[in-house]
Protein backbone atom coordinates (compact mmCIF):
# COMPACT_ATOMS: atom_id res chain seq x y z
CA MET A 1 21.19 -0.41 13.65
CA LYS A 2 18.78 1.17 11.18
CA TYR A 3 19.23 2.61 7.71
CA SER A 4 17.77 6.13 7.30
CA GLU A 5 16.68 8.33 4.41
CA HIS A 6 15.00 11.75 4.25
CA TYR A 7 12.13 12.88 2.01
CA GLU A 8 9.61 15.66 1.58
CA VAL A 9 6.02 14.64 0.86
CA THR A 10 4.89 16.10 -2.46
CA CYS A 11 1.57 17.63 -3.42
CA HIS A 12 0.94 14.64 -5.69
CA ASP A 13 1.24 12.21 -2.77
CA VAL A 14 -1.92 13.32 -0.96
CA ASP A 15 -5.69 12.98 -1.32
CA GLN A 16 -8.34 15.71 -1.21
CA ASN A 17 -8.06 15.87 2.59
CA ASN A 18 -4.30 16.49 2.32
CA HIS A 19 -3.52 13.03 3.71
CA ILE A 20 -0.92 10.81 2.12
CA LYS A 21 -2.45 8.09 -0.03
CA PRO A 22 -1.82 4.56 1.30
CA THR A 23 0.19 3.45 -1.73
CA ASN A 24 2.52 6.44 -1.44
CA LEU A 25 3.13 5.73 2.24
CA VAL A 26 4.17 2.18 1.31
CA ARG A 27 6.38 3.53 -1.48
CA TYR A 28 8.38 5.74 0.89
CA MET A 29 8.99 2.71 3.10
CA GLN A 30 10.02 0.43 0.27
CA GLU A 31 12.05 3.11 -1.51
CA THR A 32 14.13 3.40 1.66
CA ALA A 33 14.70 -0.36 1.64
CA ASN A 34 15.76 -0.13 -2.00
CA HIS A 35 18.25 2.62 -1.08
CA GLN A 36 19.68 0.41 1.65
CA MET A 37 20.14 -2.40 -0.86
CA ARG A 38 21.77 0.01 -3.32
CA ASP A 39 24.18 1.39 -0.73
CA ARG A 40 25.04 -1.78 1.19
CA LYS A 41 24.85 -4.46 -1.53
CA PRO A 42 23.58 -6.65 -2.96
CA SER A 43 21.34 -4.12 -4.68
CA TYR A 44 18.00 -4.92 -6.26
CA TYR A 45 19.76 -4.84 -9.65
CA ASP A 46 22.51 -7.19 -8.44
CA LEU A 47 19.93 -9.76 -7.47
CA PHE A 48 17.70 -9.14 -10.49
CA PHE A 49 20.47 -9.74 -13.03
CA ASP A 50 21.54 -12.78 -11.05
CA GLY A 51 18.07 -14.16 -11.74
CA LYS A 52 16.66 -13.49 -8.26
CA ALA A 53 14.09 -11.09 -6.81
CA PHE A 54 12.70 -10.17 -3.40
CA ILE A 55 8.95 -10.92 -3.30
CA VAL A 56 6.82 -9.61 -0.43
CA THR A 57 4.50 -12.13 1.19
CA ARG A 58 2.92 -9.96 3.90
CA MET A 59 3.00 -6.40 5.18
CA ASN A 60 1.51 -5.08 8.43
CA ILE A 61 1.31 -1.28 8.67
CA LYS A 62 0.13 0.72 11.68
CA ILE A 63 -0.57 4.39 10.94
CA HIS A 64 -0.52 6.72 13.96
CA ALA A 65 -0.93 10.08 12.18
CA GLN A 66 -1.56 11.42 8.68
CA LEU A 67 1.28 12.85 6.62
CA GLN A 68 0.52 15.99 4.61
CA GLN A 69 2.08 17.66 1.60
CA TYR A 70 5.52 19.18 2.20
CA ASP A 71 6.00 17.35 5.48
CA LYS A 72 9.68 16.57 5.95
CA ILE A 73 10.05 12.96 7.01
CA GLU A 74 12.76 10.54 8.05
CA ALA A 75 12.28 6.92 7.04
CA HIS A 76 14.06 4.02 8.77
CA THR A 77 14.36 0.42 7.65
CA TRP A 78 16.26 -2.61 8.78
CA ILE A 79 16.32 -6.35 8.23
CA CYS A 80 15.53 -8.75 11.05
CA PRO A 81 16.74 -12.27 11.81
CA GLY A 82 15.10 -14.67 9.38
CA LYS A 83 14.75 -18.40 9.07
CA ALA A 84 14.17 -20.96 6.32
CA ALA A 85 13.10 -18.88 3.29
CA THR A 86 11.63 -15.90 5.18
CA PHE A 87 13.43 -12.52 5.19
CA PRO A 88 11.72 -10.11 7.67
CA ARG A 89 12.10 -6.34 7.31
CA CYS A 90 10.78 -3.44 9.41
CA TYR A 91 10.11 0.25 8.75
CA GLU A 92 9.42 3.47 10.64
CA ILE A 93 8.45 6.92 9.39
CA LEU A 94 8.97 9.96 11.59
CA ARG A 95 7.94 13.61 11.23
CA GLY A 96 10.38 15.32 13.52
CA ASP A 97 10.13 13.36 16.79
CA GLU A 98 6.63 12.06 15.98
CA LEU A 99 6.28 8.41 14.97
CA VAL A 100 3.81 8.58 12.09
CA ALA A 101 3.82 4.97 10.86
CA GLU A 102 5.58 1.68 11.44
CA ALA A 103 5.51 -1.62 9.60
CA TYR A 104 6.61 -5.24 9.72
CA SER A 105 6.98 -7.25 6.51
CA GLU A 106 8.11 -10.67 5.34
CA TRP A 107 9.83 -11.35 2.03
CA ALA A 108 11.02 -14.31 0.03
CA VAL A 109 13.82 -14.43 -2.55
CA ALA A 110 12.67 -16.31 -5.63
CA ASN A 111 14.62 -17.59 -8.60
CA ARG A 112 12.93 -15.72 -11.45
CA ILE A 113 13.47 -18.61 -13.86
CA THR A 114 12.59 -21.67 -11.81
CA GLY A 115 10.39 -20.06 -9.15
CA LYS A 116 12.33 -21.88 -6.44
CA LEU A 117 12.76 -20.03 -3.15
CA CYS A 118 16.21 -19.30 -1.76
CA GLY A 119 17.04 -19.97 1.89
CA THR A 120 18.30 -17.22 4.18
CA ASN A 121 21.70 -18.96 4.16
CA GLU A 122 21.92 -18.62 0.36
CA ILE A 123 21.67 -14.80 0.12
CA ASP A 124 24.42 -12.74 1.73
CA ILE A 125 22.81 -9.59 3.14
CA THR A 126 25.10 -9.24 6.14
CA GLU A 127 26.03 -5.67 5.11
CA TYR A 128 22.42 -4.50 5.55
CA GLU A 129 21.63 -2.77 8.85
CA GLN A 130 19.94 -5.26 11.15
CA ASP A 131 17.92 -4.98 14.35
CA GLU A 132 15.13 -6.75 16.21
CA ALA A 133 11.68 -7.01 14.66
CA LEU A 134 8.97 -4.58 15.68
CA THR A 135 5.98 -5.80 17.68
CA LEU A 136 2.95 -3.91 16.39
CA SER A 137 -0.48 -3.59 17.98
CA ILE A 138 -2.05 -5.22 14.91
CA PRO A 139 -1.52 -8.95 14.32
CA ARG A 140 1.13 -10.33 11.99
CA ARG A 141 -1.26 -13.09 10.93
CA TYR A 142 -5.02 -13.41 10.79
CA HIS A 143 -7.60 -15.69 9.24
CA PHE A 144 -10.93 -14.67 7.78
CA PRO A 145 -13.84 -16.39 9.56
CA LYS A 146 -15.39 -19.10 7.43
CA ASP A 147 -18.80 -17.41 7.66
CA LEU A 148 -17.48 -13.99 6.55
CA ARG A 149 -19.49 -13.15 3.46
CA PHE A 150 -17.66 -11.38 0.63
CA GLU A 151 -19.47 -9.48 -2.10
CA PRO A 152 -18.03 -8.53 -5.51
CA VAL A 153 -17.29 -4.80 -5.67
CA GLY A 154 -15.17 -4.34 -8.79
CA GLU A 155 -12.52 -5.49 -11.22
CA HIS A 156 -9.13 -4.15 -12.25
CA HIS A 157 -7.22 -4.90 -15.44
CA VAL A 158 -3.45 -4.97 -14.84
CA PHE A 159 -1.97 -2.41 -17.21
CA TYR A 160 1.66 -1.70 -18.04
CA SER A 161 1.73 1.25 -15.63
CA ASP A 162 0.73 -1.04 -12.72
CA CYS A 163 3.75 -3.30 -13.13
CA ASP A 164 7.35 -3.37 -11.97
CA MET A 165 10.47 -5.07 -13.34
CA ASN A 166 9.07 -8.46 -12.39
CA ARG A 167 6.25 -7.88 -14.89
CA HIS A 168 3.44 -8.14 -12.39
CA MET A 169 1.43 -5.57 -10.45
CA ASN A 170 3.69 -3.92 -7.90
CA ASN A 171 2.71 -4.77 -4.33
CA ALA A 172 2.43 -1.12 -3.25
CA ASN A 173 -0.35 -0.48 -5.79
CA TYR A 174 -2.79 -2.79 -4.02
CA SER A 175 -3.25 -0.40 -1.07
CA ASP A 176 -4.80 2.36 -3.20
CA LEU A 177 -6.69 -0.16 -5.33
CA LEU A 178 -8.54 -1.57 -2.30
CA TRP A 179 -8.81 1.79 -0.49
CA ASN A 180 -10.94 3.02 -3.41
CA TYR A 181 -13.69 0.53 -2.48
CA ILE A 182 -14.26 1.74 1.09
CA PRO A 183 -17.65 3.51 1.16
CA GLY A 184 -17.40 7.23 1.92
CA ILE A 185 -13.62 7.12 1.90
CA CYS A 186 -13.45 10.89 1.31
CA GLU A 187 -14.62 11.29 4.92
CA LYS A 188 -12.22 8.73 6.43
CA GLU A 189 -8.52 8.18 7.09
CA VAL A 190 -6.61 4.90 7.17
CA THR A 191 -5.31 3.66 10.52
CA SER A 192 -3.92 0.25 9.50
CA ILE A 193 -3.21 -1.96 6.49
CA ASN A 194 -2.67 -5.67 7.00
CA ILE A 195 -2.14 -7.38 3.67
CA ARG A 196 -0.84 -10.75 2.57
CA PHE A 197 0.20 -11.58 -0.96
CA MET A 198 -0.64 -15.06 -2.20
CA ARG A 199 -0.46 -14.94 -5.99
CA GLU A 200 1.00 -12.50 -8.50
CA ALA A 201 -1.14 -10.54 -10.94
CA ALA A 202 0.76 -10.56 -14.21
CA LEU A 203 0.60 -7.86 -16.86
CA GLY A 204 -2.65 -8.22 -18.81
CA SER A 205 -4.48 -10.22 -16.14
CA ASP A 206 -7.77 -9.23 -14.54
CA ILE A 207 -8.20 -8.86 -10.77
CA GLU A 208 -11.63 -9.56 -9.25
CA ILE A 209 -12.20 -7.59 -6.04
CA PHE A 210 -14.44 -8.74 -3.18
CA ALA A 211 -15.16 -6.91 0.08
CA SER A 212 -16.75 -7.50 3.47
CA ARG A 213 -17.27 -5.81 6.87
CA PRO A 214 -15.86 -8.05 9.62
CA GLU A 215 -16.01 -7.40 13.35
CA LEU A 216 -13.54 -4.76 14.55
CA ALA A 217 -11.91 -7.29 16.84
CA LEU A 218 -10.45 -9.17 13.88
CA GLY A 219 -8.13 -6.27 13.03
CA GLN A 220 -7.02 -5.54 16.62
CA ASP A 221 -6.60 -1.90 15.60
CA GLU A 222 -7.57 0.23 18.60
CA ASP A 223 -7.70 3.40 16.47
CA ALA A 224 -10.07 2.02 13.83
CA GLU A 225 -13.77 2.86 13.90
CA GLU A 226 -14.51 0.61 10.92
CA LEU A 227 -12.75 -2.45 9.49
CA TYR A 228 -12.92 -3.63 5.88
CA ALA A 229 -11.82 -7.01 4.56
CA PHE A 230 -10.78 -7.55 0.95
CA ARG A 231 -10.04 -10.63 -1.08
CA THR A 232 -8.95 -10.50 -4.70
CA ARG A 233 -8.77 -13.26 -7.28
CA VAL A 234 -6.78 -13.78 -10.47
CA ASP A 235 -7.82 -16.62 -12.77
CA GLY A 236 -10.00 -18.03 -9.99
CA ALA A 237 -7.19 -18.20 -7.39
CA THR A 238 -6.75 -15.89 -4.40
CA ASN A 239 -4.40 -13.03 -5.19
CA VAL A 240 -4.29 -10.93 -1.98
CA GLU A 241 -6.19 -10.72 1.30
CA CYS A 242 -6.29 -7.48 3.25
CA LEU A 243 -7.71 -5.88 6.38
CA MET A 244 -7.90 -2.08 6.34
CA GLY A 245 -8.87 -0.03 9.39
CA VAL A 246 -10.31 3.48 9.02
CA ARG A 247 -11.83 6.25 11.11
CA ARG A 248 -13.64 9.48 10.39
CA THR A 249 -11.43 12.43 9.54
CA GLU A 250 -11.65 16.18 9.27
CA ILE A 251 -12.80 16.92 5.75
CA GLN A 252 -10.73 19.41 3.78
CA GLU A 253 -13.13 22.07 2.49
CA ALA A 254 -12.77 23.42 -1.04
CA PRO A 255 -11.18 26.91 -1.02
CA GLU A 256 -13.32 29.94 -1.77
CA PRO A 257 -12.79 31.56 -5.21
CA ALA A 258 -10.29 34.43 -5.13
CA ARG A 259 -11.77 37.93 -4.90
CA GLY A 260 -12.46 39.48 -8.28
CA THR A 261 -12.89 36.13 -9.99
CA GLU A 262 -16.06 34.37 -10.92
CA THR A 263 -16.73 30.68 -11.04
CA GLN A 264 -17.28 29.66 -14.62
CA LYS A 265 -20.89 28.77 -15.23
CA SER A 266 -22.03 25.95 -17.39
CA PRO A 267 -23.29 27.17 -20.75
CA GLU A 268 -27.03 27.44 -21.18
CA PRO A 269 -28.43 24.57 -23.23
CA VAL A 270 -29.13 25.42 -26.81
CA GLN A 271 -32.86 25.75 -27.38
CA LYS A 272 -34.24 23.61 -30.11
CA PRO A 273 -36.15 25.81 -32.53
CA GLU A 274 -39.82 25.15 -32.77
CA SER A 275 -40.88 23.51 -35.96
CA ARG A 276 -43.47 25.27 -38.06
CA LYS A 277 -45.50 24.31 -41.01
CA GLU A 278 -44.89 26.02 -44.28
């Protein structure tokens, strides 16, 4: 069985090409999971105030089509059989009968005080809808080749607005953060996101961002025309690693000015008066 929720994509969710931004796609998926927890118990709050929290360790997302503003969507989520300290969860997003995106993820439940991980037999989530795990066309696990050369492309300071109740940068925010560093991204659309989370970025920390262009075969994304690899560091330790597949897209042209209106022109520069001798 699967838990379902309905949404309408807002105008603030999309980029200049009217495609949903990667972070907002992830948010719709994870918001649906949060609703399931709220409705079926234990909720996120139940666990949080019991000193526990779900922490994502990896997320594999295959994007089949681009959502646009005001699309009405149905999001599905369900937990999958886990083992040891790994709690798998899957997602689907549909627009009508069209499968737009699907994802597989793995989570851990950590004690927020001690940092110790809880086993699957210690957290009762039997009321959550459960089904078999999805098998995606992109790999669940990958390893960067040792000779893959990463170059520094930017830094990001973790501000208050980046963080969630766990006081570190929310996992969904990484997708847009890395997406920004794909060259010519305004002419491309994302076809896959394969990200693993290795270390938290706490409020006030600084994230160093490195990028590379691996062979397409590493991502196993048949829809991608280009593949980008990212590695970020916090205090010298690896924070996240990500593969992001993209392809060229139809560029949304700027609308023509309405009839009877004129585009405001920049003011003419003020001319410096010529000096003259008295």
